[in-house]
Structure formats: C-alpha cells, structure tokens
Amino acid sequence: PATSGRMSWIVAQGVEMGRASRLNIDVEK
C-alpha cells in the first residue's frame, strides 16, 4: 500500500529440488 519508499523481500527457491537457494529482492518504489 505504500506509495513510495524502499521495500525488501527474501525468496526461497529450489528447496523441493534439494538445491536450496536464497534470492534477495530490493525495490525503490
């Protein structure tokens, strides 16, 4: 809902494949 500002998320992927991965997402909205 924020109309501006810095936002961050951490995403896990590859867990089900036995190759756990971690992706960091940073956004300046």
mmCIF file of all heavy atoms, coordinates in Angstrom:
data_MODEL
# 
_entry.id   MODEL 
# 
loop_
_atom_site.group_PDB 
_atom_site.id 
_atom_site.type_symbol 
_atom_site.label_atom_id 
_atom_site.label_alt_id 
_atom_site.label_comp_id 
_atom_site.label_asym_id 
_atom_site.label_entity_id 
_atom_site.label_seq_id 
_atom_site.pdbx_PDB_ins_code 
_atom_site.Cartn_x 
_atom_site.Cartn_y 
_atom_site.Cartn_z 
_atom_site.occupancy 
_atom_site.B_iso_or_equiv 
_atom_site.pdbx_formal_charge 
_atom_site.auth_seq_id 
_atom_site.auth_comp_id 
_atom_site.auth_asym_id 
_atom_site.auth_atom_id 
_atom_site.pdbx_PDB_model_num 
ATOM 1   N N   . PRO A 1 1  ? 0.799  -1.233  0.000   1.00 0.00 ? 1  PRO A N   1 
ATOM 2   C CA  . PRO A 1 1  ? 0.000  0.000   0.000   1.00 0.00 ? 1  PRO A CA  1 
ATOM 3   C C   . PRO A 1 1  ? 0.827  1.277   0.000   1.00 0.00 ? 1  PRO A C   1 
ATOM 4   O O   . PRO A 1 1  ? 0.315  2.347   -0.330  1.00 0.00 ? 1  PRO A O   1 
ATOM 5   C CB  . PRO A 1 1  ? -0.829 -0.127  1.285   1.00 0.00 ? 1  PRO A CB  1 
ATOM 6   C CG  . PRO A 1 1  ? -0.056 -1.058  2.162   1.00 0.00 ? 1  PRO A CG  1 
ATOM 7   C CD  . PRO A 1 1  ? 0.600  -2.028  1.228   1.00 0.00 ? 1  PRO A CD  1 
ATOM 8   N N   . ALA A 1 2  ? 2.108  1.186   0.368   1.00 0.00 ? 2  ALA A N   1 
ATOM 9   C CA  . ALA A 1 2  ? 2.947  2.382   0.383   1.00 0.00 ? 2  ALA A CA  1 
ATOM 10  C C   . ALA A 1 2  ? 3.108  2.924   -1.038  1.00 0.00 ? 2  ALA A C   1 
ATOM 11  O O   . ALA A 1 2  ? 3.250  2.168   -1.996  1.00 0.00 ? 2  ALA A O   1 
ATOM 12  C CB  . ALA A 1 2  ? 4.311  2.070   0.977   1.00 0.00 ? 2  ALA A CB  1 
ATOM 13  N N   . THR A 1 3  ? 3.070  4.228   -1.167  1.00 0.00 ? 3  THR A N   1 
ATOM 14  C CA  . THR A 1 3  ? 3.212  4.852   -2.487  1.00 0.00 ? 3  THR A CA  1 
ATOM 15  C C   . THR A 1 3  ? 4.668  5.152   -2.829  1.00 0.00 ? 3  THR A C   1 
ATOM 16  O O   . THR A 1 3  ? 4.974  5.465   -3.976  1.00 0.00 ? 3  THR A O   1 
ATOM 17  C CB  . THR A 1 3  ? 2.413  6.154   -2.550  1.00 0.00 ? 3  THR A CB  1 
ATOM 18  O OG1 . THR A 1 3  ? 2.853  7.034   -1.499  1.00 0.00 ? 3  THR A OG1 1 
ATOM 19  C CG2 . THR A 1 3  ? 0.925  5.880   -2.380  1.00 0.00 ? 3  THR A CG2 1 
ATOM 20  N N   . SER A 1 4  ? 5.552  5.052   -1.851  1.00 0.00 ? 4  SER A N   1 
ATOM 21  C CA  . SER A 1 4  ? 6.965  5.283   -2.120  1.00 0.00 ? 4  SER A CA  1 
ATOM 22  C C   . SER A 1 4  ? 7.784  4.674   -0.988  1.00 0.00 ? 4  SER A C   1 
ATOM 23  O O   . SER A 1 4  ? 7.261  4.345   0.078   1.00 0.00 ? 4  SER A O   1 
ATOM 24  C CB  . SER A 1 4  ? 7.266  6.789   -2.230  1.00 0.00 ? 4  SER A CB  1 
ATOM 25  O OG  . SER A 1 4  ? 6.986  7.444   -1.005  1.00 0.00 ? 4  SER A OG  1 
ATOM 26  N N   . GLY A 1 5  ? 9.079  4.511   -1.252  1.00 0.00 ? 5  GLY A N   1 
ATOM 27  C CA  . GLY A 1 5  ? 9.973  4.002   -0.227  1.00 0.00 ? 5  GLY A CA  1 
ATOM 28  C C   . GLY A 1 5  ? 10.681 2.730   -0.654  1.00 0.00 ? 5  GLY A C   1 
ATOM 29  O O   . GLY A 1 5  ? 10.409 2.151   -1.708  1.00 0.00 ? 5  GLY A O   1 
ATOM 30  N N   . ARG A 1 6  ? 11.599 2.291   0.187   1.00 0.00 ? 6  ARG A N   1 
ATOM 31  C CA  . ARG A 1 6  ? 12.394 1.101   -0.078  1.00 0.00 ? 6  ARG A CA  1 
ATOM 32  C C   . ARG A 1 6  ? 11.695 -0.124  0.499   1.00 0.00 ? 6  ARG A C   1 
ATOM 33  O O   . ARG A 1 6  ? 11.221 -0.097  1.638   1.00 0.00 ? 6  ARG A O   1 
ATOM 34  C CB  . ARG A 1 6  ? 13.795 1.246   0.521   1.00 0.00 ? 6  ARG A CB  1 
ATOM 35  C CG  . ARG A 1 6  ? 14.753 0.144   0.109   1.00 0.00 ? 6  ARG A CG  1 
ATOM 36  C CD  . ARG A 1 6  ? 16.148 0.429   0.641   1.00 0.00 ? 6  ARG A CD  1 
ATOM 37  N NE  . ARG A 1 6  ? 17.102 -0.595  0.233   1.00 0.00 ? 6  ARG A NE  1 
ATOM 38  C CZ  . ARG A 1 6  ? 17.735 -0.635  -0.925  1.00 0.00 ? 6  ARG A CZ  1 
ATOM 39  N NH1 . ARG A 1 6  ? 17.504 0.335   -1.808  1.00 0.00 ? 6  ARG A NH1 1 
ATOM 40  N NH2 . ARG A 1 6  ? 18.575 -1.596  -1.220  1.00 0.00 ? 6  ARG A NH2 1 
ATOM 41  N N   . MET A 1 7  ? 11.642 -1.182  -0.259  1.00 0.00 ? 7  MET A N   1 
ATOM 42  C CA  . MET A 1 7  ? 10.987 -2.421  0.147   1.00 0.00 ? 7  MET A CA  1 
ATOM 43  C C   . MET A 1 7  ? 11.919 -3.585  -0.117  1.00 0.00 ? 7  MET A C   1 
ATOM 44  O O   . MET A 1 7  ? 12.660 -3.582  -1.104  1.00 0.00 ? 7  MET A O   1 
ATOM 45  C CB  . MET A 1 7  ? 9.685  -2.609  -0.637  1.00 0.00 ? 7  MET A CB  1 
ATOM 46  C CG  . MET A 1 7  ? 8.736  -1.445  -0.514  1.00 0.00 ? 7  MET A CG  1 
ATOM 47  S SD  . MET A 1 7  ? 7.407  -1.537  -1.736  1.00 0.00 ? 7  MET A SD  1 
ATOM 48  C CE  . MET A 1 7  ? 6.574  0.029   -1.387  1.00 0.00 ? 7  MET A CE  1 
ATOM 49  N N   . SER A 1 8  ? 11.873 -4.597  0.742   1.00 0.00 ? 8  SER A N   1 
ATOM 50  C CA  . SER A 1 8  ? 12.764 -5.745  0.598   1.00 0.00 ? 8  SER A CA  1 
ATOM 51  C C   . SER A 1 8  ? 12.015 -7.030  0.899   1.00 0.00 ? 8  SER A C   1 
ATOM 52  O O   . SER A 1 8  ? 11.150 -7.069  1.778   1.00 0.00 ? 8  SER A O   1 
ATOM 53  C CB  . SER A 1 8  ? 13.976 -5.622  1.536   1.00 0.00 ? 8  SER A CB  1 
ATOM 54  O OG  . SER A 1 8  ? 14.740 -4.471  1.233   1.00 0.00 ? 8  SER A OG  1 
ATOM 55  N N   . TRP A 1 9  ? 12.361 -8.065  0.176   1.00 0.00 ? 9  TRP A N   1 
ATOM 56  C CA  . TRP A 1 9  ? 11.823 -9.404  0.416   1.00 0.00 ? 9  TRP A CA  1 
ATOM 57  C C   . TRP A 1 9  ? 12.945 -10.417 0.247   1.00 0.00 ? 9  TRP A C   1 
ATOM 58  O O   . TRP A 1 9  ? 13.897 -10.190 -0.504  1.00 0.00 ? 9  TRP A O   1 
ATOM 59  C CB  . TRP A 1 9  ? 10.720 -9.736  -0.588  1.00 0.00 ? 9  TRP A CB  1 
ATOM 60  C CG  . TRP A 1 9  ? 9.517  -8.859  -0.519  1.00 0.00 ? 9  TRP A CG  1 
ATOM 61  C CD1 . TRP A 1 9  ? 8.400  -9.034  0.240   1.00 0.00 ? 9  TRP A CD1 1 
ATOM 62  C CD2 . TRP A 1 9  ? 9.289  -7.639  -1.250  1.00 0.00 ? 9  TRP A CD2 1 
ATOM 63  N NE1 . TRP A 1 9  ? 7.500  -8.023  0.039   1.00 0.00 ? 9  TRP A NE1 1 
ATOM 64  C CE2 . TRP A 1 9  ? 8.021  -7.151  -0.880  1.00 0.00 ? 9  TRP A CE2 1 
ATOM 65  C CE3 . TRP A 1 9  ? 10.032 -6.927  -2.186  1.00 0.00 ? 9  TRP A CE3 1 
ATOM 66  C CZ2 . TRP A 1 9  ? 7.489  -5.983  -1.410  1.00 0.00 ? 9  TRP A CZ2 1 
ATOM 67  C CZ3 . TRP A 1 9  ? 9.518  -5.757  -2.714  1.00 0.00 ? 9  TRP A CZ3 1 
ATOM 68  C CH2 . TRP A 1 9  ? 8.256  -5.298  -2.328  1.00 0.00 ? 9  TRP A CH2 1 
ATOM 69  N N   . ILE A 1 10 ? 12.822 -11.544 0.945   1.00 0.00 ? 10 ILE A N   1 
ATOM 70  C CA  . ILE A 1 10 ? 13.722 -12.683 0.762   1.00 0.00 ? 10 ILE A CA  1 
ATOM 71  C C   . ILE A 1 10 ? 12.883 -13.837 0.237   1.00 0.00 ? 10 ILE A C   1 
ATOM 72  O O   . ILE A 1 10 ? 11.846 -14.174 0.811   1.00 0.00 ? 10 ILE A O   1 
ATOM 73  C CB  . ILE A 1 10 ? 14.425 -13.071 2.071   1.00 0.00 ? 10 ILE A CB  1 
ATOM 74  C CG1 . ILE A 1 10 ? 15.283 -11.905 2.582   1.00 0.00 ? 10 ILE A CG1 1 
ATOM 75  C CG2 . ILE A 1 10 ? 15.296 -14.312 1.857   1.00 0.00 ? 10 ILE A CG2 1 
ATOM 76  C CD1 . ILE A 1 10 ? 15.893 -12.164 3.948   1.00 0.00 ? 10 ILE A CD1 1 
ATOM 77  N N   . VAL A 1 11 ? 13.340 -14.437 -0.859  1.00 0.00 ? 11 VAL A N   1 
ATOM 78  C CA  . VAL A 1 11 ? 12.611 -15.516 -1.507  1.00 0.00 ? 11 VAL A CA  1 
ATOM 79  C C   . VAL A 1 11 ? 13.456 -16.785 -1.477  1.00 0.00 ? 11 VAL A C   1 
ATOM 80  O O   . VAL A 1 11 ? 14.645 -16.767 -1.833  1.00 0.00 ? 11 VAL A O   1 
ATOM 81  C CB  . VAL A 1 11 ? 12.275 -15.154 -2.967  1.00 0.00 ? 11 VAL A CB  1 
ATOM 82  C CG1 . VAL A 1 11 ? 11.605 -16.326 -3.674  1.00 0.00 ? 11 VAL A CG1 1 
ATOM 83  C CG2 . VAL A 1 11 ? 11.387 -13.908 -3.024  1.00 0.00 ? 11 VAL A CG2 1 
ATOM 84  N N   . ALA A 1 12 ? 12.849 -17.881 -1.051  1.00 0.00 ? 12 ALA A N   1 
ATOM 85  C CA  . ALA A 1 12 ? 13.487 -19.197 -1.117  1.00 0.00 ? 12 ALA A CA  1 
ATOM 86  C C   . ALA A 1 12 ? 13.013 -19.909 -2.367  1.00 0.00 ? 12 ALA A C   1 
ATOM 87  O O   . ALA A 1 12 ? 11.841 -19.826 -2.748  1.00 0.00 ? 12 ALA A O   1 
ATOM 88  C CB  . ALA A 1 12 ? 13.139 -20.015 0.124   1.00 0.00 ? 12 ALA A CB  1 
ATOM 89  N N   . GLN A 1 13 ? 13.911 -20.630 -3.019  1.00 0.00 ? 13 GLN A N   1 
ATOM 90  C CA  . GLN A 1 13 ? 13.572 -21.404 -4.215  1.00 0.00 ? 13 GLN A CA  1 
ATOM 91  C C   . GLN A 1 13 ? 14.476 -22.633 -4.256  1.00 0.00 ? 13 GLN A C   1 
ATOM 92  O O   . GLN A 1 13 ? 15.532 -22.680 -3.613  1.00 0.00 ? 13 GLN A O   1 
ATOM 93  C CB  . GLN A 1 13 ? 13.745 -20.566 -5.486  1.00 0.00 ? 13 GLN A CB  1 
ATOM 94  C CG  . GLN A 1 13 ? 13.170 -21.209 -6.743  1.00 0.00 ? 13 GLN A CG  1 
ATOM 95  C CD  . GLN A 1 13 ? 13.378 -20.362 -7.996  1.00 0.00 ? 13 GLN A CD  1 
ATOM 96  O OE1 . GLN A 1 13 ? 13.663 -19.163 -7.918  1.00 0.00 ? 13 GLN A OE1 1 
ATOM 97  N NE2 . GLN A 1 13 ? 13.257 -20.969 -9.153  1.00 0.00 ? 13 GLN A NE2 1 
ATOM 98  N N   . GLY A 1 14 ? 14.087 -23.630 -5.004  1.00 0.00 ? 14 GLY A N   1 
ATOM 99  C CA  . GLY A 1 14 ? 14.912 -24.815 -5.174  1.00 0.00 ? 14 GLY A CA  1 
ATOM 100 C C   . GLY A 1 14 ? 14.871 -25.805 -4.031  1.00 0.00 ? 14 GLY A C   1 
ATOM 101 O O   . GLY A 1 14 ? 15.547 -26.833 -4.074  1.00 0.00 ? 14 GLY A O   1 
ATOM 102 N N   . VAL A 1 15 ? 14.080 -25.520 -3.002  1.00 0.00 ? 15 VAL A N   1 
ATOM 103 C CA  . VAL A 1 15 ? 14.041 -26.382 -1.811  1.00 0.00 ? 15 VAL A CA  1 
ATOM 104 C C   . VAL A 1 15 ? 13.560 -27.781 -2.184  1.00 0.00 ? 15 VAL A C   1 
ATOM 105 O O   . VAL A 1 15 ? 14.142 -28.794 -1.757  1.00 0.00 ? 15 VAL A O   1 
ATOM 106 C CB  . VAL A 1 15 ? 13.137 -25.752 -0.736  1.00 0.00 ? 15 VAL A CB  1 
ATOM 107 C CG1 . VAL A 1 15 ? 13.007 -26.682 0.466   1.00 0.00 ? 15 VAL A CG1 1 
ATOM 108 C CG2 . VAL A 1 15 ? 13.681 -24.390 -0.312  1.00 0.00 ? 15 VAL A CG2 1 
ATOM 109 N N   . GLU A 1 16 ? 12.509 -27.840 -2.977  1.00 0.00 ? 16 GLU A N   1 
ATOM 110 C CA  . GLU A 1 16 ? 11.928 -29.136 -3.347  1.00 0.00 ? 16 GLU A CA  1 
ATOM 111 C C   . GLU A 1 16 ? 12.879 -29.960 -4.223  1.00 0.00 ? 16 GLU A C   1 
ATOM 112 O O   . GLU A 1 16 ? 12.732 -31.186 -4.314  1.00 0.00 ? 16 GLU A O   1 
ATOM 113 C CB  . GLU A 1 16 ? 10.604 -28.922 -4.085  1.00 0.00 ? 16 GLU A CB  1 
ATOM 114 C CG  . GLU A 1 16 ? 9.506  -28.278 -3.243  1.00 0.00 ? 16 GLU A CG  1 
ATOM 115 C CD  . GLU A 1 16 ? 9.655  -26.763 -3.110  1.00 0.00 ? 16 GLU A CD  1 
ATOM 116 O OE1 . GLU A 1 16 ? 10.569 -26.186 -3.767  1.00 0.00 ? 16 GLU A OE1 1 
ATOM 117 O OE2 . GLU A 1 16 ? 8.880  -26.157 -2.359  1.00 0.00 ? 16 GLU A OE2 1 
ATOM 118 N N   . MET A 1 17 ? 13.842 -29.307 -4.851  1.00 0.00 ? 17 MET A N   1 
ATOM 119 C CA  . MET A 1 17 ? 14.802 -29.985 -5.720  1.00 0.00 ? 17 MET A CA  1 
ATOM 120 C C   . MET A 1 17 ? 16.060 -30.409 -4.974  1.00 0.00 ? 17 MET A C   1 
ATOM 121 O O   . MET A 1 17 ? 16.965 -31.005 -5.565  1.00 0.00 ? 17 MET A O   1 
ATOM 122 C CB  . MET A 1 17 ? 15.194 -29.063 -6.882  1.00 0.00 ? 17 MET A CB  1 
ATOM 123 C CG  . MET A 1 17 ? 14.049 -28.577 -7.734  1.00 0.00 ? 17 MET A CG  1 
ATOM 124 S SD  . MET A 1 17 ? 14.604 -27.414 -8.996  1.00 0.00 ? 17 MET A SD  1 
ATOM 125 C CE  . MET A 1 17 ? 15.595 -28.472 -10.053 1.00 0.00 ? 17 MET A CE  1 
ATOM 126 N N   . GLY A 1 18 ? 16.152 -30.060 -3.686  1.00 0.00 ? 18 GLY A N   1 
ATOM 127 C CA  . GLY A 1 18 ? 17.364 -30.332 -2.938  1.00 0.00 ? 18 GLY A CA  1 
ATOM 128 C C   . GLY A 1 18 ? 18.496 -29.374 -3.254  1.00 0.00 ? 18 GLY A C   1 
ATOM 129 O O   . GLY A 1 18 ? 19.661 -29.659 -2.967  1.00 0.00 ? 18 GLY A O   1 
ATOM 130 N N   . ARG A 1 19 ? 18.167 -28.208 -3.827  1.00 0.00 ? 19 ARG A N   1 
ATOM 131 C CA  . ARG A 1 19 ? 19.169 -27.185 -4.139  1.00 0.00 ? 19 ARG A CA  1 
ATOM 132 C C   . ARG A 1 19 ? 18.666 -25.851 -3.607  1.00 0.00 ? 19 ARG A C   1 
ATOM 133 O O   . ARG A 1 19 ? 18.352 -24.928 -4.359  1.00 0.00 ? 19 ARG A O   1 
ATOM 134 C CB  . ARG A 1 19 ? 19.429 -27.103 -5.649  1.00 0.00 ? 19 ARG A CB  1 
ATOM 135 C CG  . ARG A 1 19 ? 19.976 -28.378 -6.264  1.00 0.00 ? 19 ARG A CG  1 
ATOM 136 C CD  . ARG A 1 19 ? 20.603 -28.104 -7.609  1.00 0.00 ? 19 ARG A CD  1 
ATOM 137 N NE  . ARG A 1 19 ? 21.808 -27.297 -7.482  1.00 0.00 ? 19 ARG A NE  1 
ATOM 138 C CZ  . ARG A 1 19 ? 23.050 -27.781 -7.583  1.00 0.00 ? 19 ARG A CZ  1 
ATOM 139 N NH1 . ARG A 1 19 ? 23.248 -29.064 -7.778  1.00 0.00 ? 19 ARG A NH1 1 
ATOM 140 N NH2 . ARG A 1 19 ? 24.090 -26.977 -7.480  1.00 0.00 ? 19 ARG A NH2 1 
ATOM 141 N N   . ALA A 1 20 ? 18.589 -25.759 -2.291  1.00 0.00 ? 20 ALA A N   1 
ATOM 142 C CA  . ALA A 1 20 ? 18.022 -24.580 -1.650  1.00 0.00 ? 20 ALA A CA  1 
ATOM 143 C C   . ALA A 1 20 ? 18.760 -23.317 -2.077  1.00 0.00 ? 20 ALA A C   1 
ATOM 144 O O   . ALA A 1 20 ? 19.987 -23.251 -2.068  1.00 0.00 ? 20 ALA A O   1 
ATOM 145 C CB  . ALA A 1 20 ? 18.076 -24.733 -0.140  1.00 0.00 ? 20 ALA A CB  1 
ATOM 146 N N   . SER A 1 21 ? 17.984 -22.311 -2.462  1.00 0.00 ? 21 SER A N   1 
ATOM 147 C CA  . SER A 1 21 ? 18.520 -21.040 -2.939  1.00 0.00 ? 21 SER A CA  1 
ATOM 148 C C   . SER A 1 21 ? 17.841 -19.901 -2.198  1.00 0.00 ? 21 SER A C   1 
ATOM 149 O O   . SER A 1 21 ? 16.719 -20.025 -1.715  1.00 0.00 ? 21 SER A O   1 
ATOM 150 C CB  . SER A 1 21 ? 18.266 -20.892 -4.453  1.00 0.00 ? 21 SER A CB  1 
ATOM 151 O OG  . SER A 1 21 ? 18.771 -21.995 -5.162  1.00 0.00 ? 21 SER A OG  1 
ATOM 152 N N   . ARG A 1 22 ? 18.545 -18.778 -2.139  1.00 0.00 ? 22 ARG A N   1 
ATOM 153 C CA  . ARG A 1 22 ? 18.038 -17.596 -1.432  1.00 0.00 ? 22 ARG A CA  1 
ATOM 154 C C   . ARG A 1 22 ? 18.238 -16.384 -2.336  1.00 0.00 ? 22 ARG A C   1 
ATOM 155 O O   . ARG A 1 22 ? 19.352 -16.086 -2.757  1.00 0.00 ? 22 ARG A O   1 
ATOM 156 C CB  . ARG A 1 22 ? 18.790 -17.425 -0.114  1.00 0.00 ? 22 ARG A CB  1 
ATOM 157 C CG  . ARG A 1 22 ? 18.411 -16.211 0.713   1.00 0.00 ? 22 ARG A CG  1 
ATOM 158 C CD  . ARG A 1 22 ? 19.370 -16.115 1.886   1.00 0.00 ? 22 ARG A CD  1 
ATOM 159 N NE  . ARG A 1 22 ? 19.155 -14.910 2.681   1.00 0.00 ? 22 ARG A NE  1 
ATOM 160 C CZ  . ARG A 1 22 ? 18.539 -14.896 3.854   1.00 0.00 ? 22 ARG A CZ  1 
ATOM 161 N NH1 . ARG A 1 22 ? 18.059 -16.023 4.354   1.00 0.00 ? 22 ARG A NH1 1 
ATOM 162 N NH2 . ARG A 1 22 ? 18.400 -13.770 4.534   1.00 0.00 ? 22 ARG A NH2 1 
ATOM 163 N N   . LEU A 1 23 ? 17.134 -15.703 -2.646  1.00 0.00 ? 23 LEU A N   1 
ATOM 164 C CA  . LEU A 1 23 ? 17.185 -14.539 -3.519  1.00 0.00 ? 23 LEU A CA  1 
ATOM 165 C C   . LEU A 1 23 ? 16.697 -13.317 -2.753  1.00 0.00 ? 23 LEU A C   1 
ATOM 166 O O   . LEU A 1 23 ? 15.610 -13.342 -2.161  1.00 0.00 ? 23 LEU A O   1 
ATOM 167 C CB  . LEU A 1 23 ? 16.311 -14.757 -4.764  1.00 0.00 ? 23 LEU A CB  1 
ATOM 168 C CG  . LEU A 1 23 ? 16.704 -15.934 -5.674  1.00 0.00 ? 23 LEU A CG  1 
ATOM 169 C CD1 . LEU A 1 23 ? 15.969 -17.199 -5.245  1.00 0.00 ? 23 LEU A CD1 1 
ATOM 170 C CD2 . LEU A 1 23 ? 16.389 -15.625 -7.122  1.00 0.00 ? 23 LEU A CD2 1 
ATOM 171 N N   . ASN A 1 24 ? 17.493 -12.257 -2.748  1.00 0.00 ? 24 ASN A N   1 
ATOM 172 C CA  . ASN A 1 24 ? 17.135 -11.008 -2.079  1.00 0.00 ? 24 ASN A CA  1 
ATOM 173 C C   . ASN A 1 24 ? 16.599 -10.027 -3.113  1.00 0.00 ? 24 ASN A C   1 
ATOM 174 O O   . ASN A 1 24 ? 17.260 -9.768  -4.132  1.00 0.00 ? 24 ASN A O   1 
ATOM 175 C CB  . ASN A 1 24 ? 18.346 -10.398 -1.381  1.00 0.00 ? 24 ASN A CB  1 
ATOM 176 C CG  . ASN A 1 24 ? 18.816 -11.228 -0.190  1.00 0.00 ? 24 ASN A CG  1 
ATOM 177 O OD1 . ASN A 1 24 ? 18.996 -12.428 -0.323  1.00 0.00 ? 24 ASN A OD1 1 
ATOM 178 N ND2 . ASN A 1 24 ? 19.016 -10.609 0.932   1.00 0.00 ? 24 ASN A ND2 1 
ATOM 179 N N   . ILE A 1 25 ? 15.425 -9.477  -2.843  1.00 0.00 ? 25 ILE A N   1 
ATOM 180 C CA  . ILE A 1 25 ? 14.792 -8.504  -3.743  1.00 0.00 ? 25 ILE A CA  1 
ATOM 181 C C   . ILE A 1 25 ? 14.690 -7.167  -3.017  1.00 0.00 ? 25 ILE A C   1 
ATOM 182 O O   . ILE A 1 25 ? 14.138 -7.097  -1.915  1.00 0.00 ? 25 ILE A O   1 
ATOM 183 C CB  . ILE A 1 25 ? 13.381 -8.959  -4.157  1.00 0.00 ? 25 ILE A CB  1 
ATOM 184 C CG1 . ILE A 1 25 ? 13.436 -10.307 -4.887  1.00 0.00 ? 25 ILE A CG1 1 
ATOM 185 C CG2 . ILE A 1 25 ? 12.707 -7.901  -5.036  1.00 0.00 ? 25 ILE A CG2 1 
ATOM 186 C CD1 . ILE A 1 25 ? 12.066 -10.882 -5.205  1.00 0.00 ? 25 ILE A CD1 1 
ATOM 187 N N   . ASP A 1 26 ? 15.237 -6.130  -3.611  1.00 0.00 ? 26 ASP A N   1 
ATOM 188 C CA  . ASP A 1 26 ? 15.138 -4.765  -3.073  1.00 0.00 ? 26 ASP A CA  1 
ATOM 189 C C   . ASP A 1 26 ? 14.493 -3.881  -4.128  1.00 0.00 ? 26 ASP A C   1 
ATOM 190 O O   . ASP A 1 26 ? 14.888 -3.910  -5.299  1.00 0.00 ? 26 ASP A O   1 
ATOM 191 C CB  . ASP A 1 26 ? 16.514 -4.207  -2.704  1.00 0.00 ? 26 ASP A CB  1 
ATOM 192 C CG  . ASP A 1 26 ? 17.168 -4.970  -1.572  1.00 0.00 ? 26 ASP A CG  1 
ATOM 193 O OD1 . ASP A 1 26 ? 16.524 -5.141  -0.520  1.00 0.00 ? 26 ASP A OD1 1 
ATOM 194 O OD2 . ASP A 1 26 ? 18.325 -5.412  -1.729  1.00 0.00 ? 26 ASP A OD2 1 
ATOM 195 N N   . VAL A 1 27 ? 13.524 -3.082  -3.692  1.00 0.00 ? 27 VAL A N   1 
ATOM 196 C CA  . VAL A 1 27 ? 12.781 -2.202  -4.601  1.00 0.00 ? 27 VAL A CA  1 
ATOM 197 C C   . VAL A 1 27 ? 12.763 -0.790  -4.025  1.00 0.00 ? 27 VAL A C   1 
ATOM 198 O O   . VAL A 1 27 ? 12.558 -0.600  -2.820  1.00 0.00 ? 27 VAL A O   1 
ATOM 199 C CB  . VAL A 1 27 ? 11.341 -2.704  -4.777  1.00 0.00 ? 27 VAL A CB  1 
ATOM 200 C CG1 . VAL A 1 27 ? 10.510 -1.703  -5.572  1.00 0.00 ? 27 VAL A CG1 1 
ATOM 201 C CG2 . VAL A 1 27 ? 11.304 -4.062  -5.453  1.00 0.00 ? 27 VAL A CG2 1 
ATOM 202 N N   . GLU A 1 28 ? 12.962 0.188   -4.894  1.00 0.00 ? 28 GLU A N   1 
ATOM 203 C CA  . GLU A 1 28 ? 12.726 1.585   -4.547  1.00 0.00 ? 28 GLU A CA  1 
ATOM 204 C C   . GLU A 1 28 ? 11.462 1.983   -5.286  1.00 0.00 ? 28 GLU A C   1 
ATOM 205 O O   . GLU A 1 28 ? 11.476 2.144   -6.511  1.00 0.00 ? 28 GLU A O   1 
ATOM 206 C CB  . GLU A 1 28 ? 13.909 2.464   -4.953  1.00 0.00 ? 28 GLU A CB  1 
ATOM 207 C CG  . GLU A 1 28 ? 13.820 3.899   -4.453  1.00 0.00 ? 28 GLU A CG  1 
ATOM 208 C CD  . GLU A 1 28 ? 13.988 4.006   -2.944  1.00 0.00 ? 28 GLU A CD  1 
ATOM 209 O OE1 . GLU A 1 28 ? 14.793 3.252   -2.377  1.00 0.00 ? 28 GLU A OE1 1 
ATOM 210 O OE2 . GLU A 1 28 ? 13.303 4.854   -2.339  1.00 0.00 ? 28 GLU A OE2 1 
ATOM 211 N N   . LYS A 1 29 ? 10.360 2.123   -4.556  1.00 0.00 ? 29 LYS A N   1 
ATOM 212 C CA  . LYS A 1 29 ? 9.069  2.369   -5.187  1.00 0.00 ? 29 LYS A CA  1 
ATOM 213 C C   . LYS A 1 29 ? 8.762  3.860   -5.234  1.00 0.00 ? 29 LYS A C   1 
ATOM 214 O O   . LYS A 1 29 ? 8.855  4.560   -4.232  1.00 0.00 ? 29 LYS A O   1 
ATOM 215 C CB  . LYS A 1 29 ? 7.948  1.643   -4.414  1.00 0.00 ? 29 LYS A CB  1 
ATOM 216 C CG  . LYS A 1 29 ? 6.555  1.790   -5.022  1.00 0.00 ? 29 LYS A CG  1 
ATOM 217 C CD  . LYS A 1 29 ? 5.537  0.978   -4.240  1.00 0.00 ? 29 LYS A CD  1 
ATOM 218 C CE  . LYS A 1 29 ? 4.142  1.109   -4.815  1.00 0.00 ? 29 LYS A CE  1 
ATOM 219 N NZ  . LYS A 1 29 ? 3.153  0.312   -4.055  1.00 0.00 ? 29 LYS A NZ  1 
# 
